[in-house]
Each structure stands twice: as structure tokens, then as C-alpha cells.
Amino acid sequence: MKCRSFLFSFFFLCLSFTLKAQENPFPTPKSEIVSSKKSERLAVLQIENQAKIPSSDLVFLSTLLQEEMQVKGRSKVLVMTQENILSLMPPNQQLENCVGVCEVDIGRVLGATYLVTGKLLKFGSQKNNWRLTLRLHETKNGELLSSKTIKASSIEEFESQIPSICQTLLTEARILESVDESKDQVKDQKLVANDPFTPTTTIPTTTIPTTTIPSQIQIRNISLHLIKGRSFTMGSHLEQESPKRLVNVRDFYISKTEITVQQYMDCVRADICNPPHWDDQTCWMWDGYKWTYGVVSNVFRQDYMPITCISWHEAKKFAQWIGGDLPTEAQWEYAAKSGGKDHQYPWGNDEPSCQKLNYNYTCISATSPVCSTPQGNTLQGLCDMSGNVYEWVLDDWYENYQGAPNHELARCKSPTCEIKDDGMKLYRGGSWIHLSTYATTSFRYGDKASSKSLGLGFRIVKSIQK
């Protein structure tokens, strides 16, 4: 309890202090004079003790965490010393129940760009079973950049694990670059080997071997934008979109627009792709009153409309033809959230309107030419990630995220992610027919892989070989 009271007091003292613009509140230790040009500071708060370990052990772990962050992050950030932090604390203040957002507020008061918090818990019935969760936040927008949990039965075990965890936190938050590419490859192989869903084909086989990665590329008249990867929080509190979890995403390219009629018909003319199911009365459509099968109007067949009335298998064949693949569910959501930001819609959290997306059968009552609503673009310039047409993704359909992996690879039952016609696949993004609640960045639904709909299309991704 003494440690917890100290932590609460520390929180309040930080929050109540007002920085003077003309003063430098971060005295630079002599050993850090070389690093004083760094503009980004990282603060490590004392670990919250919910396991009731001795206060001396808690102070040791907190100090070790700070020291390792100092060592690992020395080239990129200036880790604030205890002297730095204490210099901001006015005396004789108290606080209770400072958690969550309050901790990020502390980081802002400290003038830190990044904030590391820790919570130590006891788990299981044995006496010395502990779990330490470390979180790294960006203080400007409160975004959680990375979170890791380690387990141990002694302080010595924690001591041996903390250095590597600090490296991982800083790397996943993109504060540091990967130290050893070969180690990352081994780690990725272990993730695939241990994953029950065998996600072996989610990264396209054709890659782009470049040292300087362009922000955009053009393939067969398709513009693809670079999406820089990192860790992000995937999902929401809704049952079908939960549990929320931290997912690691690597850099990738994704098409700026939904694949258009013209682009898809190039594949048909090359005798690779099947024609869209416009005339065989197998395409599911909304006629303004009811769902039915029928012949598709010429309105939907124009060159710059998104392609519709194709199955999951046909979408995947097109993606492979251009040397890419369908996006995984994690890649799709990460891109829709403008690179993993806490956005309900691609443009942010403002209310939907017909200026931002084509939805609800009230904007134009049909698909619109791709990129007709630029106000709804992501920060990277991706169009129609909400509305116009739903988009097939690579993953099999699961009712929620229970047991889902913490990486961007697809969640599939087969090694190739191929599936029979009656197998269920996922789609994302909302359509011109449906309400905005179906067009959020986290909404997900599934249908048979053989399904064809006038409200369902796709876009493609391409991997990057570094």
C-alpha cells in the first residue's frame, strides 16, 4: 500500500505542476551532454504494485526498467532520470485513483514524447507467480504504441527478461529500427509455426527488393500506396469485433482505390479472370425494395466504378495476376485506420455524411466512381475504405477475435487460405446500400466464398522485401 500511495502521490504531483516556458525543466546529467540535442524524451513511471511484493524489489525493477530504456533508446530518445522527474514535483500534494488516461496526462506534464507504464500482478495459486505488463504510449494523442507482458517466479527472472522487452517495446513503437533482420525473420517463422491457423500465404510471393522504398508504385495501371507498419490496437468493444488486442503490422503496399471495372476487365481480356457475373442472374442485388438475383444495370458496368459481382476466389485470382494478394484482415483495418490510429472511420471520428462516403442507399442509390468522396480518404490518401462497396479480405470467417494471432498474417484453416465454395470468408468496409454502422473501420462480416453481390468488391496488397 505504501508503494501504491507513493505512485498516486507522484501522479498528482506531476499533474499539478505547470511548466514555465522560459525555463528548462530537464537538467541534463553530464553523461548525457552528447545526447542533449535529442528533442524526444521518454519518461518511465514507477511500476504499479498490485502483487504486493516488497517495496525494495519494486524500486529495483522500476530502476532497472528505466536504465534499460536508457541503454536501448540512447540513440533515439533521451530517457528522463529520476532527478529530471523529481525536479518537476511540487511538495505536499495527494492523488487517488490515477489510472489510464491520467497516466498519459502525467507524461504530457513531464514534457515527455513517450511514456512507459508498468503494472505487476499476481496470477495463479502459487506464491511467487507474477505477471508484469509494460505499455509504451505516445503522449501527444494518448496512443498505445506497444504493450508486452512477461511472467516470472522471481525478481531474478524479471531481471533477465527486461532488457529484451525494452528493445521490443522501442522497436514495435518504431522508435528504434529492427536491430537484426535475421532475428526478425526467425521470430516471424516461429509465429507461423506456433499459430493454429497456419497463416503461410498472407504475404504475397512477389516482392519489391528496394533499399529506398517509394511512397507509391504503379502496377498494371493500379496505384498502390505505401503503408508504414507498427503495432496498433485492433477491434472494438462490440462482441463480433472483440477482444481488442495489440497487433504487429509490417510495411506493405495497398491499392489506393477499390479495383475498378476497367482494371478487372484487363484481366478478363488476358484470359486469366472470369467475367463478372452481371448477366447470369447469380449476383445478389438490392432493387430498392428487396434483395434479389437479376441482371445488373449498365450503371454499375462503367470503367471507373468498383468491380462487383465477383466471388472471393475470383478476387484472389486477380490479385495473384498482378503479383499481389488480398489484404489480410489486420492489414485492411490498419490501413483503414490511417496507419493504426484510433479512428472509427478512415477520416477520423467525425460523423459520416455523403461528402465522406457513399452509403445508406440515400447518397446516389448506386455505386459511385472510385475516389468520388475525397473528404473520406485516409491520411495516406486511400479512397473508399468506408462505403461504396464492401471488400473481400484474405481471412476465413470467425465470429470474433478469440484466439486470433498478434501479427498481420491471415487467420486461415488451410496453409494457402484457399477454401471450398461453401466456406466462409471475410469482408470489410460497408457499402452504398447499408447504414454507417456497417462502414466503421472495425466492422467485420462474412459470407460464402462463392457469393457475388452488387455491394461487394475488393482491393489488393503487395508486400515489401527489405
Protein backbone atom coordinates (compact mmCIF):
# COMPACT_ATOMS: atom_id res chain seq x y z
CA MET A 1 0.00 0.00 0.00
CA LYS A 2 2.88 2.35 0.69
CA CYS A 3 4.13 1.86 -2.85
CA ARG A 4 0.69 2.46 -4.31
CA SER A 5 0.28 5.63 -2.21
CA PHE A 6 3.66 6.81 -3.40
CA LEU A 7 2.61 6.18 -7.02
CA PHE A 8 -0.66 8.06 -6.59
CA SER A 9 1.15 10.95 -4.93
CA PHE A 10 3.64 11.01 -7.75
CA PHE A 11 0.85 11.13 -10.36
CA PHE A 12 -0.86 14.09 -8.72
CA LEU A 13 2.33 15.98 -8.16
CA CYS A 14 3.14 15.68 -11.84
CA LEU A 15 -0.33 16.73 -12.96
CA SER A 16 -0.45 19.75 -10.71
CA PHE A 17 2.86 21.22 -11.87
CA THR A 18 2.83 23.96 -14.53
CA LEU A 19 5.91 24.24 -16.71
CA LYS A 20 7.44 27.67 -17.27
CA ALA A 21 8.12 28.22 -20.96
CA GLN A 22 11.32 30.17 -20.38
CA GLU A 23 12.92 27.54 -18.12
CA ASN A 24 14.43 24.17 -18.97
CA PRO A 25 12.89 21.65 -16.52
CA PHE A 26 15.16 18.84 -17.71
CA PRO A 27 18.63 19.30 -16.21
CA THR A 28 20.99 17.28 -18.36
CA PRO A 29 23.33 14.92 -16.48
CA LYS A 30 26.98 15.21 -17.52
CA SER A 31 26.88 11.73 -19.01
CA GLU A 32 24.08 12.81 -21.32
CA ILE A 33 25.51 16.06 -22.68
CA VAL A 34 26.19 14.38 -26.03
CA SER A 35 22.53 13.39 -26.25
CA SER A 36 21.13 16.77 -25.29
CA LYS A 37 20.21 17.58 -28.90
CA LYS A 38 17.52 14.92 -28.86
CA SER A 39 14.10 16.59 -28.87
CA GLU A 40 12.11 13.48 -27.89
CA ARG A 41 12.08 12.47 -24.23
CA LEU A 42 10.87 9.22 -22.70
CA ALA A 43 9.61 9.02 -19.11
CA VAL A 44 9.40 5.76 -17.17
CA LEU A 45 6.88 5.80 -14.31
CA GLN A 46 7.32 3.60 -11.29
CA ILE A 47 5.72 0.19 -11.72
CA GLU A 48 2.29 -0.17 -10.11
CA ASN A 49 2.50 -2.85 -7.41
CA GLN A 50 -0.66 -4.96 -7.39
CA ALA A 51 1.26 -8.11 -6.47
CA LYS A 52 2.24 -6.76 -3.04
CA ILE A 53 5.94 -7.53 -3.46
CA PRO A 54 8.40 -5.77 -1.13
CA SER A 55 8.88 -2.11 -1.95
CA SER A 56 12.63 -2.59 -2.33
CA ASP A 57 12.03 -5.16 -5.12
CA LEU A 58 9.58 -2.83 -6.82
CA VAL A 59 12.06 0.05 -6.77
CA PHE A 60 14.73 -2.29 -8.16
CA LEU A 61 12.52 -3.35 -11.09
CA SER A 62 11.46 0.23 -11.81
CA THR A 63 15.05 1.43 -11.77
CA LEU A 64 16.17 -1.47 -13.97
CA LEU A 65 13.40 -0.67 -16.45
CA GLN A 66 14.50 2.96 -16.62
CA GLU A 67 18.18 2.03 -17.02
CA GLU A 68 17.49 -0.46 -19.82
CA MET A 69 15.31 2.04 -21.67
CA GLN A 70 18.24 4.46 -21.33
CA VAL A 71 20.65 1.92 -22.84
CA LYS A 72 18.36 0.68 -25.64
CA GLY A 73 16.96 4.06 -26.62
CA ARG A 74 20.10 6.17 -26.23
CA SER A 75 20.49 6.82 -29.97
CA LYS A 76 16.87 7.99 -30.46
CA VAL A 77 15.42 9.38 -27.24
CA LEU A 78 16.58 10.98 -24.01
CA VAL A 79 15.30 8.92 -21.10
CA MET A 80 14.48 11.20 -18.18
CA THR A 81 16.37 10.42 -14.98
CA GLN A 82 14.73 10.33 -11.56
CA GLU A 83 16.39 13.71 -10.95
CA ASN A 84 14.62 15.04 -14.07
CA ILE A 85 11.26 13.78 -12.87
CA LEU A 86 11.65 14.80 -9.25
CA SER A 87 12.58 18.32 -10.34
CA LEU A 88 9.02 18.68 -11.69
CA MET A 89 7.29 17.60 -8.49
CA PRO A 90 5.96 20.27 -6.11
CA PRO A 91 5.70 19.17 -2.47
CA ASN A 92 2.71 18.25 -0.29
CA GLN A 93 0.22 17.07 -2.94
CA GLN A 94 -2.03 13.98 -2.95
CA LEU A 95 -3.95 11.98 -5.57
CA GLU A 96 -6.13 8.89 -5.62
CA ASN A 97 -7.18 6.58 -8.46
CA CYS A 98 -4.93 7.90 -11.22
CA VAL A 99 -5.05 5.25 -13.98
CA GLY A 100 -5.37 5.02 -17.75
CA VAL A 101 -5.69 8.41 -19.44
CA CYS A 102 -4.47 10.06 -16.24
CA GLU A 103 -1.08 8.39 -16.72
CA VAL A 104 -0.77 9.83 -20.23
CA ASP A 105 -1.64 13.25 -18.81
CA ILE A 106 1.33 12.86 -16.49
CA GLY A 107 3.58 12.26 -19.47
CA ARG A 108 2.35 15.49 -21.05
CA VAL A 109 3.01 17.44 -17.84
CA LEU A 110 6.51 15.98 -17.75
CA GLY A 111 7.06 17.20 -21.31
CA ALA A 112 7.78 13.64 -22.47
CA THR A 113 7.06 12.47 -26.02
CA TYR A 114 6.79 8.87 -24.84
CA LEU A 115 5.66 7.33 -21.57
CA VAL A 116 6.29 3.83 -20.21
CA THR A 117 3.99 2.47 -17.51
CA GLY A 118 4.05 -0.89 -15.78
CA LYS A 119 1.69 -3.00 -13.72
CA LEU A 120 2.75 -6.01 -11.64
CA LEU A 121 0.09 -8.61 -10.82
CA LYS A 122 0.00 -11.98 -9.11
CA PHE A 123 -1.59 -14.86 -11.02
CA GLY A 124 -2.28 -18.49 -10.24
CA SER A 125 -2.39 -20.19 -6.87
CA GLN A 126 1.35 -20.49 -6.26
CA LYS A 127 3.01 -17.94 -4.04
CA ASN A 128 5.52 -16.41 -6.47
CA ASN A 129 3.76 -16.31 -9.84
CA TRP A 130 3.90 -12.76 -11.17
CA ARG A 131 2.96 -11.04 -14.41
CA LEU A 132 4.44 -7.69 -15.43
CA THR A 133 2.69 -5.72 -18.20
CA LEU A 134 4.60 -2.82 -19.75
CA ARG A 135 2.94 -0.23 -22.01
CA LEU A 136 4.55 2.41 -24.17
CA HIS A 137 2.35 5.43 -25.03
CA GLU A 138 2.79 8.44 -27.26
CA THR A 139 1.67 11.33 -25.07
CA LYS A 140 0.55 13.76 -27.79
CA ASN A 141 -2.54 11.76 -28.77
CA GLY A 142 -2.56 9.15 -25.99
CA GLU A 143 -1.97 6.34 -28.49
CA LEU A 144 -0.79 2.99 -27.18
CA LEU A 145 2.22 2.12 -29.37
CA SER A 146 3.22 -1.18 -27.82
CA SER A 147 2.36 -3.48 -24.93
CA LYS A 148 4.18 -6.55 -23.65
CA THR A 149 3.63 -8.96 -20.77
CA ILE A 150 6.27 -11.15 -19.14
CA LYS A 151 5.85 -13.80 -16.45
CA ALA A 152 8.30 -14.83 -13.75
CA SER A 153 8.51 -16.55 -10.39
CA SER A 154 11.41 -14.45 -9.06
CA ILE A 155 12.89 -10.98 -9.32
CA GLU A 156 15.95 -12.53 -10.96
CA GLU A 157 13.79 -13.92 -13.78
CA PHE A 158 12.33 -10.48 -14.40
CA GLU A 159 15.83 -9.02 -14.37
CA SER A 160 16.90 -11.36 -17.19
CA GLN A 161 13.85 -10.57 -19.35
CA ILE A 162 13.54 -6.78 -19.01
CA PRO A 163 16.44 -5.88 -21.41
CA SER A 164 14.90 -7.75 -24.35
CA ILE A 165 11.41 -6.45 -23.54
CA CYS A 166 12.69 -2.86 -23.61
CA GLN A 167 14.24 -3.49 -27.02
CA THR A 168 10.94 -4.97 -28.26
CA LEU A 169 8.83 -2.09 -26.95
CA LEU A 170 11.06 0.53 -28.60
CA THR A 171 11.20 -1.39 -31.87
CA GLU A 172 7.46 -2.07 -32.13
CA ALA A 173 6.76 1.58 -31.40
CA ARG A 174 9.11 2.38 -34.30
CA ILE A 175 11.34 4.45 -32.04
CA LEU A 176 14.12 2.05 -33.00
CA GLU A 177 14.65 0.13 -36.21
CA SER A 178 14.91 -3.65 -36.04
CA VAL A 179 18.36 -4.47 -34.69
CA ASP A 180 18.87 -7.71 -36.59
CA GLU A 181 16.86 -8.55 -39.69
CA SER A 182 17.76 -12.23 -39.47
CA LYS A 183 16.46 -12.37 -35.89
CA ASP A 184 13.19 -10.81 -37.03
CA GLN A 185 12.88 -13.46 -39.74
CA VAL A 186 13.43 -16.25 -37.22
CA LYS A 187 10.83 -14.66 -34.93
CA ASP A 188 8.33 -14.50 -37.80
CA GLN A 189 8.96 -18.16 -38.63
CA LYS A 190 8.24 -19.10 -35.02
CA LEU A 191 5.00 -17.12 -35.10
CA VAL A 192 3.87 -19.04 -38.18
CA ALA A 193 4.95 -22.38 -36.74
CA ASN A 194 3.09 -21.81 -33.47
CA ASP A 195 -0.08 -20.32 -34.95
CA PRO A 196 -3.01 -22.78 -35.11
CA PHE A 197 -4.44 -21.03 -38.16
CA THR A 198 -1.34 -21.66 -40.32
CA PRO A 199 -1.05 -18.17 -41.88
CA THR A 200 1.50 -19.07 -44.54
CA THR A 201 0.29 -17.25 -47.65
CA THR A 202 -0.75 -13.84 -46.42
CA ILE A 203 2.42 -12.11 -47.59
CA PRO A 204 2.40 -12.13 -51.42
CA THR A 205 5.11 -14.14 -53.12
CA THR A 206 6.14 -11.36 -55.50
CA THR A 207 8.06 -8.73 -53.56
CA ILE A 208 9.76 -5.41 -54.23
CA PRO A 209 13.50 -5.63 -53.42
CA THR A 210 14.34 -1.98 -52.79
CA THR A 211 16.59 -0.16 -50.38
CA THR A 212 14.76 3.15 -50.69
CA ILE A 213 11.06 2.37 -50.54
CA PRO A 214 8.90 4.66 -52.72
CA SER A 215 5.72 6.03 -51.18
CA GLN A 216 3.71 4.97 -54.25
CA ILE A 217 4.12 2.39 -57.01
CA GLN A 218 2.18 1.67 -60.20
CA ILE A 219 1.42 -1.89 -61.38
CA ARG A 220 -0.79 -2.60 -64.41
CA ASN A 221 -2.42 0.82 -64.15
CA ILE A 222 -3.12 0.28 -60.43
CA SER A 223 -1.75 2.85 -57.97
CA LEU A 224 -0.55 1.39 -54.66
CA HIS A 225 0.34 3.47 -51.60
CA LEU A 226 2.95 2.58 -49.00
CA ILE A 227 1.59 1.92 -45.51
CA LYS A 228 4.29 2.05 -42.83
CA GLY A 229 3.77 -0.67 -40.27
CA ARG A 230 3.92 -0.75 -36.47
CA SER A 231 1.81 -2.09 -33.60
CA PHE A 232 -1.81 -0.99 -33.28
CA THR A 233 -4.95 -1.82 -31.32
CA MET A 234 -7.30 -3.91 -33.47
CA GLY A 235 -11.02 -4.42 -32.84
CA SER A 236 -13.57 -2.75 -30.59
CA HIS A 237 -15.76 -3.44 -27.56
CA LEU A 238 -18.50 -4.99 -29.75
CA GLU A 239 -18.83 -8.75 -29.41
CA GLN A 240 -18.08 -9.54 -33.06
CA GLU A 241 -15.07 -7.20 -33.02
CA SER A 242 -13.58 -8.28 -29.70
CA PRO A 243 -11.47 -8.87 -27.76
CA LYS A 244 -9.36 -5.84 -28.65
CA ARG A 245 -5.70 -6.73 -28.98
CA LEU A 246 -2.35 -5.31 -29.98
CA VAL A 247 -1.31 -6.46 -33.48
CA ASN A 248 2.07 -6.07 -35.16
CA VAL A 249 1.98 -4.97 -38.80
CA ARG A 250 4.91 -4.72 -41.21
CA ASP A 251 5.21 -2.25 -44.09
CA PHE A 252 3.11 -3.06 -47.15
CA TYR A 253 1.54 -1.52 -50.25
CA ILE A 254 -2.22 -1.34 -50.76
CA SER A 255 -4.17 -0.12 -53.77
CA LYS A 256 -5.37 3.46 -53.46
CA THR A 257 -8.80 2.53 -54.80
CA GLU A 258 -11.09 -0.43 -54.95
CA ILE A 259 -10.28 -2.40 -58.09
CA THR A 260 -12.26 -0.85 -60.93
CA VAL A 261 -14.27 -2.42 -63.73
CA GLN A 262 -11.61 -1.36 -66.24
CA GLN A 263 -8.76 -2.87 -64.22
CA TYR A 264 -10.61 -6.14 -63.69
CA MET A 265 -11.65 -6.42 -67.34
CA ASP A 266 -7.96 -6.18 -68.34
CA CYS A 267 -7.54 -9.49 -66.51
CA VAL A 268 -10.61 -10.93 -68.26
CA ARG A 269 -9.25 -9.89 -71.68
CA ALA A 270 -5.97 -11.61 -70.76
CA ASP A 271 -7.96 -14.86 -70.32
CA ILE A 272 -6.90 -15.05 -66.67
CA CYS A 273 -10.02 -13.89 -64.81
CA ASN A 274 -13.65 -14.92 -65.17
CA PRO A 275 -16.07 -12.25 -66.39
CA PRO A 276 -18.09 -10.56 -63.62
CA HIS A 277 -21.47 -12.19 -63.02
CA TRP A 278 -23.54 -9.35 -64.42
CA ASP A 279 -25.78 -11.35 -66.75
CA ASP A 280 -26.11 -14.88 -65.35
CA GLN A 281 -28.51 -13.86 -62.56
CA THR A 282 -26.23 -15.16 -59.81
CA CYS A 283 -25.36 -11.70 -58.43
CA TRP A 284 -27.22 -10.74 -55.24
CA MET A 285 -28.58 -7.20 -55.52
CA TRP A 286 -30.84 -4.64 -53.86
CA ASP A 287 -33.52 -3.26 -56.17
CA GLY A 288 -34.69 -0.53 -53.82
CA TYR A 289 -37.29 -2.71 -52.14
CA LYS A 290 -35.83 -6.18 -51.63
CA TRP A 291 -32.80 -8.40 -52.15
CA THR A 292 -32.97 -10.48 -55.33
CA TYR A 293 -30.95 -12.02 -58.16
CA GLY A 294 -31.02 -10.39 -61.58
CA VAL A 295 -29.23 -8.76 -64.49
CA VAL A 296 -27.02 -5.85 -63.49
CA SER A 297 -27.77 -2.36 -64.78
CA ASN A 298 -25.28 -0.64 -67.09
CA VAL A 299 -24.78 1.99 -64.38
CA PHE A 300 -22.60 -0.47 -62.45
CA ARG A 301 -20.57 -1.52 -65.51
CA GLN A 302 -18.81 1.78 -66.21
CA ASP A 303 -14.99 1.68 -66.35
CA TYR A 304 -14.34 3.70 -63.18
CA MET A 305 -16.92 2.00 -61.00
CA PRO A 306 -15.64 -0.54 -58.46
CA ILE A 307 -15.87 -4.08 -59.79
CA THR A 308 -18.71 -6.04 -58.21
CA CYS A 309 -20.47 -9.38 -58.67
CA ILE A 310 -17.33 -11.49 -58.28
CA SER A 311 -16.56 -14.23 -55.75
CA TRP A 312 -13.71 -14.38 -53.26
CA HIS A 313 -11.87 -16.88 -55.48
CA GLU A 314 -12.15 -14.54 -58.48
CA ALA A 315 -10.89 -11.58 -56.46
CA LYS A 316 -7.90 -13.60 -55.27
CA LYS A 317 -7.08 -14.75 -58.82
CA PHE A 318 -6.94 -11.13 -59.97
CA ALA A 319 -4.68 -10.19 -57.04
CA GLN A 320 -2.29 -13.01 -57.89
CA TRP A 321 -2.29 -11.97 -61.56
CA ILE A 322 -0.81 -8.59 -60.67
CA GLY A 323 1.69 -10.20 -58.27
CA GLY A 324 -0.08 -9.39 -55.02
CA ASP A 325 -2.82 -10.76 -52.80
CA LEU A 326 -5.97 -9.78 -50.98
CA PRO A 327 -5.23 -7.81 -47.79
CA THR A 328 -5.37 -9.70 -44.55
CA GLU A 329 -7.99 -8.53 -42.08
CA ALA A 330 -5.31 -6.89 -39.92
CA GLN A 331 -3.71 -5.12 -42.91
CA TRP A 332 -7.10 -3.87 -44.04
CA GLU A 333 -8.08 -2.47 -40.63
CA TYR A 334 -4.63 -0.95 -40.09
CA ALA A 335 -4.85 0.85 -43.45
CA ALA A 336 -8.46 1.93 -42.85
CA LYS A 337 -7.39 3.46 -39.54
CA SER A 338 -4.82 5.67 -41.32
CA GLY A 339 -1.93 3.55 -40.10
CA GLY A 340 -3.46 2.13 -36.92
CA LYS A 341 -4.82 5.32 -35.38
CA ASP A 342 -7.81 5.27 -33.03
CA HIS A 343 -10.25 6.19 -35.82
CA GLN A 344 -13.83 4.99 -36.03
CA TYR A 345 -13.84 5.93 -39.71
CA PRO A 346 -10.99 6.40 -42.21
CA TRP A 347 -11.17 10.20 -41.93
CA GLY A 348 -11.28 10.19 -38.12
CA ASN A 349 -14.20 10.29 -35.71
CA ASP A 350 -16.46 12.94 -37.27
CA GLU A 351 -19.99 11.91 -38.18
CA PRO A 352 -20.49 10.25 -41.60
CA SER A 353 -22.03 12.18 -44.49
CA CYS A 354 -22.44 11.75 -48.25
CA GLN A 355 -19.40 14.02 -48.68
CA LYS A 356 -17.25 11.40 -46.91
CA LEU A 357 -18.69 8.09 -48.14
CA ASN A 358 -21.34 6.55 -50.38
CA TYR A 359 -23.72 4.69 -48.05
CA ASN A 360 -27.27 4.04 -46.86
CA TYR A 361 -28.86 3.96 -50.37
CA THR A 362 -29.53 7.68 -49.98
CA CYS A 363 -26.39 9.31 -51.46
CA ILE A 364 -26.76 8.23 -55.10
CA SER A 365 -28.53 4.82 -54.79
CA ALA A 366 -25.76 3.04 -56.71
CA THR A 367 -22.01 2.59 -56.64
CA SER A 368 -20.01 5.73 -57.35
CA PRO A 369 -16.82 6.10 -59.40
CA VAL A 370 -13.87 5.30 -57.13
CA CYS A 371 -12.46 8.24 -55.14
CA SER A 372 -15.63 10.32 -55.52
CA THR A 373 -15.59 11.31 -51.82
CA PRO A 374 -12.04 12.55 -51.07
CA GLN A 375 -13.14 14.07 -47.74
CA GLY A 376 -13.42 10.49 -46.51
CA ASN A 377 -9.89 9.43 -47.50
CA THR A 378 -7.38 8.09 -45.02
CA LEU A 379 -4.36 10.20 -44.10
CA GLN A 380 -2.36 8.17 -46.62
CA GLY A 381 -4.83 9.01 -49.41
CA LEU A 382 -6.71 5.71 -49.64
CA CYS A 383 -10.21 6.12 -51.08
CA ASP A 384 -13.49 4.42 -50.19
CA MET A 385 -12.22 2.40 -47.22
CA SER A 386 -15.72 3.11 -45.89
CA GLY A 387 -18.75 2.76 -48.13
CA ASN A 388 -19.19 2.31 -51.89
CA VAL A 389 -18.62 -1.47 -51.77
CA TYR A 390 -17.58 -4.00 -49.14
CA GLU A 391 -14.13 -5.52 -49.75
CA TRP A 392 -13.10 -9.16 -49.61
CA VAL A 393 -10.10 -9.90 -47.37
CA LEU A 394 -7.92 -12.99 -47.20
CA ASP A 395 -9.02 -14.40 -43.83
CA ASP A 396 -11.55 -17.11 -43.07
CA TRP A 397 -14.63 -16.00 -41.15
CA TYR A 398 -14.50 -16.33 -37.36
CA GLU A 399 -17.23 -14.92 -35.12
CA ASN A 400 -14.78 -12.90 -33.02
CA TYR A 401 -11.08 -12.47 -32.20
CA GLN A 402 -10.83 -15.16 -29.54
CA GLY A 403 -7.57 -16.99 -30.25
CA ALA A 404 -6.55 -14.59 -33.02
CA PRO A 405 -2.80 -14.02 -33.60
CA ASN A 406 -0.97 -10.81 -32.67
CA HIS A 407 0.54 -10.31 -36.13
CA GLU A 408 -0.83 -9.23 -39.51
CA LEU A 409 -0.86 -12.69 -41.07
CA ALA A 410 -4.22 -14.11 -42.11
CA ARG A 411 -6.27 -16.38 -39.90
CA CYS A 412 -6.98 -19.36 -42.14
CA LYS A 413 -7.67 -23.05 -41.64
CA SER A 414 -5.63 -24.10 -44.67
CA PRO A 415 -1.96 -23.30 -45.39
CA THR A 416 -2.91 -21.47 -48.61
CA CYS A 417 -6.05 -19.78 -47.25
CA GLU A 418 -7.95 -21.45 -50.11
CA ILE A 419 -11.41 -22.68 -49.24
CA LYS A 420 -14.36 -24.51 -50.80
CA ASP A 421 -17.18 -22.54 -52.36
CA ASP A 422 -19.40 -23.00 -49.31
CA GLY A 423 -16.61 -21.99 -46.89
CA MET A 424 -16.97 -18.65 -45.14
CA LYS A 425 -14.69 -15.70 -45.92
CA LEU A 426 -14.48 -12.17 -44.51
CA TYR A 427 -15.28 -8.77 -45.94
CA ARG A 428 -14.89 -5.26 -44.54
CA GLY A 429 -15.77 -1.62 -45.13
CA GLY A 430 -19.51 -1.02 -45.67
CA SER A 431 -21.35 -0.33 -48.92
CA TRP A 432 -23.58 2.09 -50.83
CA ILE A 433 -26.59 0.11 -49.59
CA HIS A 434 -26.00 -0.08 -45.83
CA LEU A 435 -26.02 2.20 -42.79
CA SER A 436 -22.87 3.87 -41.48
CA THR A 437 -22.69 1.40 -38.56
CA TYR A 438 -21.53 -1.16 -41.13
CA ALA A 439 -18.87 1.22 -42.50
CA THR A 440 -16.67 1.64 -39.42
CA THR A 441 -13.01 0.67 -39.51
CA SER A 442 -13.64 -2.25 -37.15
CA PHE A 443 -16.90 -3.70 -38.56
CA ARG A 444 -16.49 -7.21 -39.95
CA TYR A 445 -18.78 -9.77 -41.51
CA GLY A 446 -18.60 -12.96 -43.54
CA ASP A 447 -20.22 -14.79 -46.42
CA LYS A 448 -19.63 -17.86 -48.56
CA ALA A 449 -16.55 -17.62 -50.76
CA SER A 450 -18.77 -18.26 -53.79
CA SER A 451 -21.06 -15.28 -53.03
CA LYS A 452 -21.41 -12.48 -55.57
CA SER A 453 -23.05 -9.18 -54.68
CA LEU A 454 -23.62 -5.77 -56.20
CA GLY A 455 -22.29 -4.29 -52.95
CA LEU A 456 -19.07 -6.33 -52.71
CA GLY A 457 -15.69 -5.77 -54.39
CA PHE A 458 -12.03 -5.78 -53.28
CA ARG A 459 -8.62 -4.08 -53.34
CA ILE A 460 -5.15 -5.62 -53.36
CA VAL A 461 -1.90 -5.51 -51.38
CA LYS A 462 1.73 -6.14 -52.23
CA SER A 463 4.49 -6.99 -49.79
CA ILE A 464 7.86 -5.30 -49.34
CA GLN A 465 11.17 -7.10 -49.08
CA LYS A 466 13.64 -5.08 -47.05
